[in-house]
Amino acid sequence: MIELALPKKHSPELKKKAESALRKLAAGLLNGRKSKKHGDITFQLSLTERMILKDNVAYVFSKHSEYEKFLNR
């Protein structure tokens, strides 16, 4: 079971997109790209919204800058 880690202030639409992406991932309909540095898998939910799958936790970001900060940790 994959946990969903959403930002503290998230919209209901972001949660719906993330849950939909997890369902598609479980069904094998969603392909992500794997980072070379950490081996995390990234999925694009919209133009600025991203989801990173790491150790059975799906981290969801509503801003691209937050996503970049997470990657550069």
PDB file of N, CA and C in Angstrom:
ATOM      1  N   MET A   1       0.844  -1.188   0.000  1.00  0.00           N
ATOM      2  CA  MET A   1       0.000   0.000   0.000  1.00  0.00           C
ATOM      3  C   MET A   1       0.882   1.243   0.000  1.00  0.00           C
ATOM      4  N   ILE A   2       0.601   2.143  -0.892  1.00  0.00           N
ATOM      5  CA  ILE A   2       1.380   3.369  -1.016  1.00  0.00           C
ATOM      6  C   ILE A   2       0.697   4.472  -0.223  1.00  0.00           C
ATOM      7  N   GLU A   3       1.472   5.133   0.651  1.00  0.00           N
ATOM      8  CA  GLU A   3       0.957   6.271   1.417  1.00  0.00           C
ATOM      9  C   GLU A   3       1.011   7.516   0.552  1.00  0.00           C
ATOM     10  N   LEU A   4       0.122   8.450   0.832  1.00  0.00           N
ATOM     11  CA  LEU A   4       0.056   9.696   0.092  1.00  0.00           C
ATOM     12  C   LEU A   4       0.466  10.830   1.017  1.00  0.00           C
ATOM     13  N   ALA A   5       1.533  11.548   0.676  1.00  0.00           N
ATOM     14  CA  ALA A   5       2.018  12.680   1.469  1.00  0.00           C
ATOM     15  C   ALA A   5       1.711  13.960   0.700  1.00  0.00           C
ATOM     16  N   LEU A   6       0.668  14.652   1.144  1.00  0.00           N
ATOM     17  CA  LEU A   6       0.235  15.887   0.488  1.00  0.00           C
ATOM     18  C   LEU A   6       0.771  17.098   1.242  1.00  0.00           C
ATOM     19  N   PRO A   7       0.874  18.262   0.568  1.00  0.00           N
ATOM     20  CA  PRO A   7       1.255  19.486   1.277  1.00  0.00           C
ATOM     21  C   PRO A   7       0.206  19.841   2.326  1.00  0.00           C
ATOM     22  N   LYS A   8       0.608  20.617   3.334  1.00  0.00           N
ATOM     23  CA  LYS A   8      -0.331  20.995   4.399  1.00  0.00           C
ATOM     24  C   LYS A   8      -1.525  21.753   3.834  1.00  0.00           C
ATOM     25  N   LYS A   9      -1.263  22.696   2.955  1.00  0.00           N
ATOM     26  CA  LYS A   9      -2.339  23.470   2.334  1.00  0.00           C
ATOM     27  C   LYS A   9      -2.493  22.977   0.898  1.00  0.00           C
ATOM     28  N   HIS A  10      -3.376  22.004   0.710  1.00  0.00           N
ATOM     29  CA  HIS A  10      -3.598  21.465  -0.628  1.00  0.00           C
ATOM     30  C   HIS A  10      -5.065  21.608  -1.001  1.00  0.00           C
ATOM     31  N   SER A  11      -5.289  21.680  -2.288  1.00  0.00           N
ATOM     32  CA  SER A  11      -6.659  21.803  -2.780  1.00  0.00           C
ATOM     33  C   SER A  11      -7.271  20.411  -2.925  1.00  0.00           C
ATOM     34  N   PRO A  12      -8.586  20.338  -2.894  1.00  0.00           N
ATOM     35  CA  PRO A  12      -9.246  19.044  -3.111  1.00  0.00           C
ATOM     36  C   PRO A  12      -8.934  18.469  -4.499  1.00  0.00           C
ATOM     37  N   GLU A  13      -8.720  19.352  -5.482  1.00  0.00           N
ATOM     38  CA  GLU A  13      -8.397  18.891  -6.833  1.00  0.00           C
ATOM     39  C   GLU A  13      -7.046  18.184  -6.863  1.00  0.00           C
ATOM     40  N   LEU A  14      -6.079  18.705  -6.086  1.00  0.00           N
ATOM     41  CA  LEU A  14      -4.756  18.084  -6.041  1.00  0.00           C
ATOM     42  C   LEU A  14      -4.844  16.684  -5.443  1.00  0.00           C
ATOM     43  N   LYS A  15      -5.648  16.531  -4.405  1.00  0.00           N
ATOM     44  CA  LYS A  15      -5.818  15.213  -3.788  1.00  0.00           C
ATOM     45  C   LYS A  15      -6.464  14.241  -4.773  1.00  0.00           C
ATOM     46  N   LYS A  16      -7.471  14.715  -5.524  1.00  0.00           N
ATOM     47  CA  LYS A  16      -8.133  13.863  -6.515  1.00  0.00           C
ATOM     48  C   LYS A  16      -7.160  13.432  -7.607  1.00  0.00           C
ATOM     49  N   LYS A  17      -6.327  14.379  -8.070  1.00  0.00           N
ATOM     50  CA  LYS A  17      -5.347  14.053  -9.106  1.00  0.00           C
ATOM     51  C   LYS A  17      -4.344  13.023  -8.601  1.00  0.00           C
ATOM     52  N   ALA A  18      -3.893  13.190  -7.357  1.00  0.00           N
ATOM     53  CA  ALA A  18      -2.912  12.265  -6.788  1.00  0.00           C
ATOM     54  C   ALA A  18      -3.514  10.875  -6.602  1.00  0.00           C
ATOM     55  N   GLU A  19      -4.740  10.805  -6.099  1.00  0.00           N
ATOM     56  CA  GLU A  19      -5.394   9.503  -5.918  1.00  0.00           C
ATOM     57  C   GLU A  19      -5.648   8.826  -7.262  1.00  0.00           C
ATOM     58  N   SER A  20      -6.022   9.613  -8.258  1.00  0.00           N
ATOM     59  CA  SER A  20      -6.229   9.069  -9.597  1.00  0.00           C
ATOM     60  C   SER A  20      -4.915   8.532 -10.163  1.00  0.00           C
ATOM     61  N   ALA A  21      -3.834   9.259  -9.944  1.00  0.00           N
ATOM     62  CA  ALA A  21      -2.524   8.809 -10.425  1.00  0.00           C
ATOM     63  C   ALA A  21      -2.110   7.515  -9.737  1.00  0.00           C
ATOM     64  N   LEU A  22      -2.399   7.373  -8.449  1.00  0.00           N
ATOM     65  CA  LEU A  22      -2.060   6.139  -7.740  1.00  0.00           C
ATOM     66  C   LEU A  22      -2.866   4.954  -8.271  1.00  0.00           C
ATOM     67  N   ARG A  23      -4.146   5.193  -8.593  1.00  0.00           N
ATOM     68  CA  ARG A  23      -4.966   4.124  -9.176  1.00  0.00           C
ATOM     69  C   ARG A  23      -4.419   3.702 -10.540  1.00  0.00           C
ATOM     70  N   LYS A  24      -4.043   4.692 -11.353  1.00  0.00           N
ATOM     71  CA  LYS A  24      -3.480   4.386 -12.669  1.00  0.00           C
ATOM     72  C   LYS A  24      -2.146   3.663 -12.539  1.00  0.00           C
ATOM     73  N   LEU A  25      -1.358   4.051 -11.549  1.00  0.00           N
ATOM     74  CA  LEU A  25      -0.072   3.398 -11.313  1.00  0.00           C
ATOM     75  C   LEU A  25      -0.271   1.942 -10.918  1.00  0.00           C
ATOM     76  N   ALA A  26      -1.249   1.684 -10.052  1.00  0.00           N
ATOM     77  CA  ALA A  26      -1.536   0.314  -9.621  1.00  0.00           C
ATOM     78  C   ALA A  26      -2.039  -0.538 -10.786  1.00  0.00           C
ATOM     79  N   ALA A  27      -2.742   0.090 -11.723  1.00  0.00           N
ATOM     80  CA  ALA A  27      -3.266  -0.636 -12.880  1.00  0.00           C
ATOM     81  C   ALA A  27      -2.226  -0.778 -13.993  1.00  0.00           C
ATOM     82  N   GLY A  28      -1.074  -0.128 -13.826  1.00  0.00           N
ATOM     83  CA  GLY A  28      -0.023  -0.209 -14.834  1.00  0.00           C
ATOM     84  C   GLY A  28      -0.225   0.714 -16.012  1.00  0.00           C
ATOM     85  N   LEU A  29      -1.050   1.738 -15.843  1.00  0.00           N
ATOM     86  CA  LEU A  29      -1.348   2.658 -16.939  1.00  0.00           C
ATOM     87  C   LEU A  29      -0.501   3.919 -16.916  1.00  0.00           C
ATOM     88  N   LEU A  30       0.316   4.092 -15.881  1.00  0.00           N
ATOM     89  CA  LEU A  30       1.075   5.328 -15.711  1.00  0.00           C
ATOM     90  C   LEU A  30       2.560   5.014 -15.715  1.00  0.00           C
ATOM     91  N   ASN A  31       3.298   5.743 -16.526  1.00  0.00           N
ATOM     92  CA  ASN A  31       4.745   5.585 -16.577  1.00  0.00           C
ATOM     93  C   ASN A  31       5.402   6.848 -16.045  1.00  0.00           C
ATOM     94  N   GLY A  32       6.372   6.684 -15.183  1.00  0.00           N
ATOM     95  CA  GLY A  32       7.109   7.819 -14.652  1.00  0.00           C
ATOM     96  C   GLY A  32       8.527   7.797 -15.167  1.00  0.00           C
ATOM     97  N   ARG A  33       9.273   8.823 -14.780  1.00  0.00           N
ATOM     98  CA  ARG A  33      10.685   8.833 -15.151  1.00  0.00           C
ATOM     99  C   ARG A  33      11.516   8.675 -13.886  1.00  0.00           C
ATOM    100  N   LYS A  34      12.569   7.923 -13.981  1.00  0.00           N
ATOM    101  CA  LYS A  34      13.398   7.600 -12.828  1.00  0.00           C
ATOM    102  C   LYS A  34      14.590   8.545 -12.785  1.00  0.00           C
ATOM    103  N   SER A  35      14.843   9.135 -11.606  1.00  0.00           N
ATOM    104  CA  SER A  35      15.978  10.041 -11.480  1.00  0.00           C
ATOM    105  C   SER A  35      17.265   9.240 -11.362  1.00  0.00           C
ATOM    106  N   LYS A  36      18.312   9.785 -11.903  1.00  0.00           N
ATOM    107  CA  LYS A  36      19.605   9.111 -11.871  1.00  0.00           C
ATOM    108  C   LYS A  36      20.290   9.290 -10.522  1.00  0.00           C
ATOM    109  N   LYS A  37      20.038  10.418  -9.878  1.00  0.00           N
ATOM    110  CA  LYS A  37      20.746  10.746  -8.640  1.00  0.00           C
ATOM    111  C   LYS A  37      20.260   9.919  -7.456  1.00  0.00           C
ATOM    112  N   HIS A  38      18.946   9.873  -7.233  1.00  0.00           N
ATOM    113  CA  HIS A  38      18.393   9.196  -6.057  1.00  0.00           C
ATOM    114  C   HIS A  38      17.604   7.937  -6.393  1.00  0.00           C
ATOM    115  N   GLY A  39      17.250   7.745  -7.650  1.00  0.00           N
ATOM    116  CA  GLY A  39      16.467   6.577  -8.034  1.00  0.00           C
ATOM    117  C   GLY A  39      14.983   6.714  -7.764  1.00  0.00           C
ATOM    118  N   ASP A  40      14.517   7.935  -7.505  1.00  0.00           N
ATOM    119  CA  ASP A  40      13.094   8.180  -7.277  1.00  0.00           C
ATOM    120  C   ASP A  40      12.364   8.194  -8.618  1.00  0.00           C
ATOM    121  N   ILE A  41      11.071   7.888  -8.581  1.00  0.00           N
ATOM    122  CA  ILE A  41      10.254   7.907  -9.794  1.00  0.00           C
ATOM    123  C   ILE A  41       9.337   9.124  -9.728  1.00  0.00           C
ATOM    124  N   THR A  42       9.360   9.953 -10.780  1.00  0.00           N
ATOM    125  CA  THR A  42       8.594  11.191 -10.828  1.00  0.00           C
ATOM    126  C   THR A  42       7.457  11.069 -11.831  1.00  0.00           C
ATOM    127  N   PHE A  43       6.288  11.573 -11.425  1.00  0.00           N
ATOM    128  CA  PHE A  43       5.116  11.615 -12.290  1.00  0.00           C
ATOM    129  C   PHE A  43       4.639  13.055 -12.385  1.00  0.00           C
ATOM    130  N   GLN A  44       4.248  13.484 -13.584  1.00  0.00           N
ATOM    131  CA  GLN A  44       3.734  14.825 -13.789  1.00  0.00           C
ATOM    132  C   GLN A  44       2.211  14.778 -13.727  1.00  0.00           C
ATOM    133  N   LEU A  45       1.620  15.494 -12.750  1.00  0.00           N
ATOM    134  CA  LEU A  45       0.165  15.521 -12.609  1.00  0.00           C
ATOM    135  C   LEU A  45      -0.456  16.634 -13.444  1.00  0.00           C
ATOM    136  N   SER A  46       0.241  17.768 -13.538  1.00  0.00           N
ATOM    137  CA  SER A  46      -0.191  18.881 -14.377  1.00  0.00           C
ATOM    138  C   SER A  46       1.052  19.688 -14.723  1.00  0.00           C
ATOM    139  N   LEU A  47       0.866  20.908 -15.177  1.00  0.00           N
ATOM    140  CA  LEU A  47       2.004  21.719 -15.597  1.00  0.00           C
ATOM    141  C   LEU A  47       2.991  21.946 -14.453  1.00  0.00           C
ATOM    142  N   THR A  48       2.503  22.238 -13.252  1.00  0.00           N
ATOM    143  CA  THR A  48       3.395  22.513 -12.119  1.00  0.00           C
ATOM    144  C   THR A  48       3.321  21.464 -11.019  1.00  0.00           C
ATOM    145  N   GLU A  49       2.345  20.592 -11.055  1.00  0.00           N
ATOM    146  CA  GLU A  49       2.157  19.604  -9.980  1.00  0.00           C
ATOM    147  C   GLU A  49       2.893  18.311 -10.304  1.00  0.00           C
ATOM    148  N   ARG A  50       3.642  17.825  -9.305  1.00  0.00           N
ATOM    149  CA  ARG A  50       4.442  16.616  -9.481  1.00  0.00           C
ATOM    150  C   ARG A  50       4.192  15.650  -8.334  1.00  0.00           C
ATOM    151  N   MET A  51       4.460  14.375  -8.592  1.00  0.00           N
ATOM    152  CA  MET A  51       4.377  13.348  -7.562  1.00  0.00           C
ATOM    153  C   MET A  51       5.645  12.506  -7.658  1.00  0.00           C
ATOM    154  N   ILE A  52       6.300  12.300  -6.520  1.00  0.00           N
ATOM    155  CA  ILE A  52       7.510  11.485  -6.460  1.00  0.00           C
ATOM    156  C   ILE A  52       7.210  10.254  -5.634  1.00  0.00           C
ATOM    157  N   LEU A  53       7.542   9.101  -6.168  1.00  0.00           N
ATOM    158  CA  LEU A  53       7.348   7.829  -5.478  1.00  0.00           C
ATOM    159  C   LEU A  53       8.685   7.381  -4.910  1.00  0.00           C
ATOM    160  N   LYS A  54       8.731   7.266  -3.576  1.00  0.00           N
ATOM    161  CA  LYS A  54       9.969   6.878  -2.906  1.00  0.00           C
ATOM    162  C   LYS A  54       9.620   6.032  -1.694  1.00  0.00           C
ATOM    163  N   ASP A  55      10.103   4.803  -1.648  1.00  0.00           N
ATOM    164  CA  ASP A  55       9.919   3.907  -0.501  1.00  0.00           C
ATOM    165  C   ASP A  55       8.453   3.764  -0.099  1.00  0.00           C
ATOM    166  N   ASN A  56       7.572   3.492  -1.053  1.00  0.00           N
ATOM    167  CA  ASN A  56       6.131   3.302  -0.821  1.00  0.00           C
ATOM    168  C   ASN A  56       5.432   4.531  -0.256  1.00  0.00           C
ATOM    169  N   VAL A  57       6.002   5.715  -0.472  1.00  0.00           N
ATOM    170  CA  VAL A  57       5.356   6.977  -0.114  1.00  0.00           C
ATOM    171  C   VAL A  57       5.324   7.837  -1.369  1.00  0.00           C
ATOM    172  N   ALA A  58       4.153   8.371  -1.685  1.00  0.00           N
ATOM    173  CA  ALA A  58       3.998   9.258  -2.833  1.00  0.00           C
ATOM    174  C   ALA A  58       3.958  10.693  -2.318  1.00  0.00           C
ATOM    175  N   TYR A  59       5.028  11.431  -2.561  1.00  0.00           N
ATOM    176  CA  TYR A  59       5.111  12.834  -2.161  1.00  0.00           C
ATOM    177  C   TYR A  59       4.529  13.671  -3.290  1.00  0.00           C
ATOM    178  N   VAL A  60       3.559  14.528  -2.955  1.00  0.00           N
ATOM    179  CA  VAL A  60       2.874  15.337  -3.960  1.00  0.00           C
ATOM    180  C   VAL A  60       3.235  16.797  -3.733  1.00  0.00           C
ATOM    181  N   PHE A  61       3.538  17.500  -4.822  1.00  0.00           N
ATOM    182  CA  PHE A  61       3.929  18.906  -4.753  1.00  0.00           C
ATOM    183  C   PHE A  61       3.035  19.717  -5.671  1.00  0.00           C
ATOM    184  N   SER A  62       2.527  20.840  -5.144  1.00  0.00           N
ATOM    185  CA  SER A  62       1.660  21.691  -5.952  1.00  0.00           C
ATOM    186  C   SER A  62       2.458  22.768  -6.677  1.00  0.00           C
ATOM    187  N   LYS A  63       3.666  23.066  -6.193  1.00  0.00           N
ATOM    188  CA  LYS A  63       4.514  24.081  -6.819  1.00  0.00           C
ATOM    189  C   LYS A  63       5.789  23.417  -7.317  1.00  0.00           C
ATOM    190  N   HIS A  64       6.228  23.841  -8.476  1.00  0.00           N
ATOM    191  CA  HIS A  64       7.437  23.254  -9.050  1.00  0.00           C
ATOM    192  C   HIS A  64       8.655  23.560  -8.183  1.00  0.00           C
ATOM    193  N   SER A  65       8.678  24.718  -7.527  1.00  0.00           N
ATOM    194  CA  SER A  65       9.824  25.075  -6.680  1.00  0.00           C
ATOM    195  C   SER A  65       9.951  24.125  -5.491  1.00  0.00           C
ATOM    196  N   GLU A  66       8.831  23.694  -4.914  1.00  0.00           N
ATOM    197  CA  GLU A  66       8.875  22.734  -3.802  1.00  0.00           C
ATOM    198  C   GLU A  66       9.406  21.387  -4.288  1.00  0.00           C
ATOM    199  N   TYR A  67       9.001  21.012  -5.480  1.00  0.00           N
ATOM    200  CA  TYR A  67       9.472  19.763  -6.094  1.00  0.00           C
ATOM    201  C   TYR A  67      10.988  19.812  -6.302  1.00  0.00           C
ATOM    202  N   GLU A  68      11.487  20.941  -6.802  1.00  0.00           N
ATOM    203  CA  GLU A  68      12.927  21.100  -7.028  1.00  0.00           C
ATOM    204  C   GLU A  68      13.701  21.051  -5.718  1.00  0.00           C
ATOM    205  N   LYS A  69      13.168  21.672  -4.665  1.00  0.00           N
ATOM    206  CA  LYS A  69      13.832  21.638  -3.354  1.00  0.00           C
ATOM    207  C   LYS A  69      13.920  20.210  -2.835  1.00  0.00           C
ATOM    208  N   PHE A  70      12.866  19.438  -3.027  1.00  0.00           N
ATOM    209  CA  PHE A  70      12.862  18.048  -2.577  1.00  0.00           C
ATOM    210  C   PHE A  70      13.907  17.234  -3.341  1.00  0.00           C
ATOM    211  N   LEU A  71      14.026  17.480  -4.635  1.00  0.00           N
ATOM    212  CA  LEU A  71      14.999  16.744  -5.440  1.00  0.00           C
ATOM    213  C   LEU A  71      16.435  17.096  -5.069  1.00  0.00           C
ATOM    214  N   ASN A  72      16.664  18.333  -4.691  1.00  0.00           N
ATOM    215  CA  ASN A  72      18.018  18.799  -4.394  1.00  0.00           C
ATOM    216  C   ASN A  72      18.398  18.639  -2.934  1.00  0.00           C
ATOM    217  N   ARG A  73      17.709  17.803  -2.206  1.00  0.00           N
ATOM    218  CA  ARG A  73      17.990  17.603  -0.791  1.00  0.00           C
ATOM    219  C   ARG A  73      19.332  16.946  -0.570  1.00  0.00           C
TER     220      ARG A  73
END
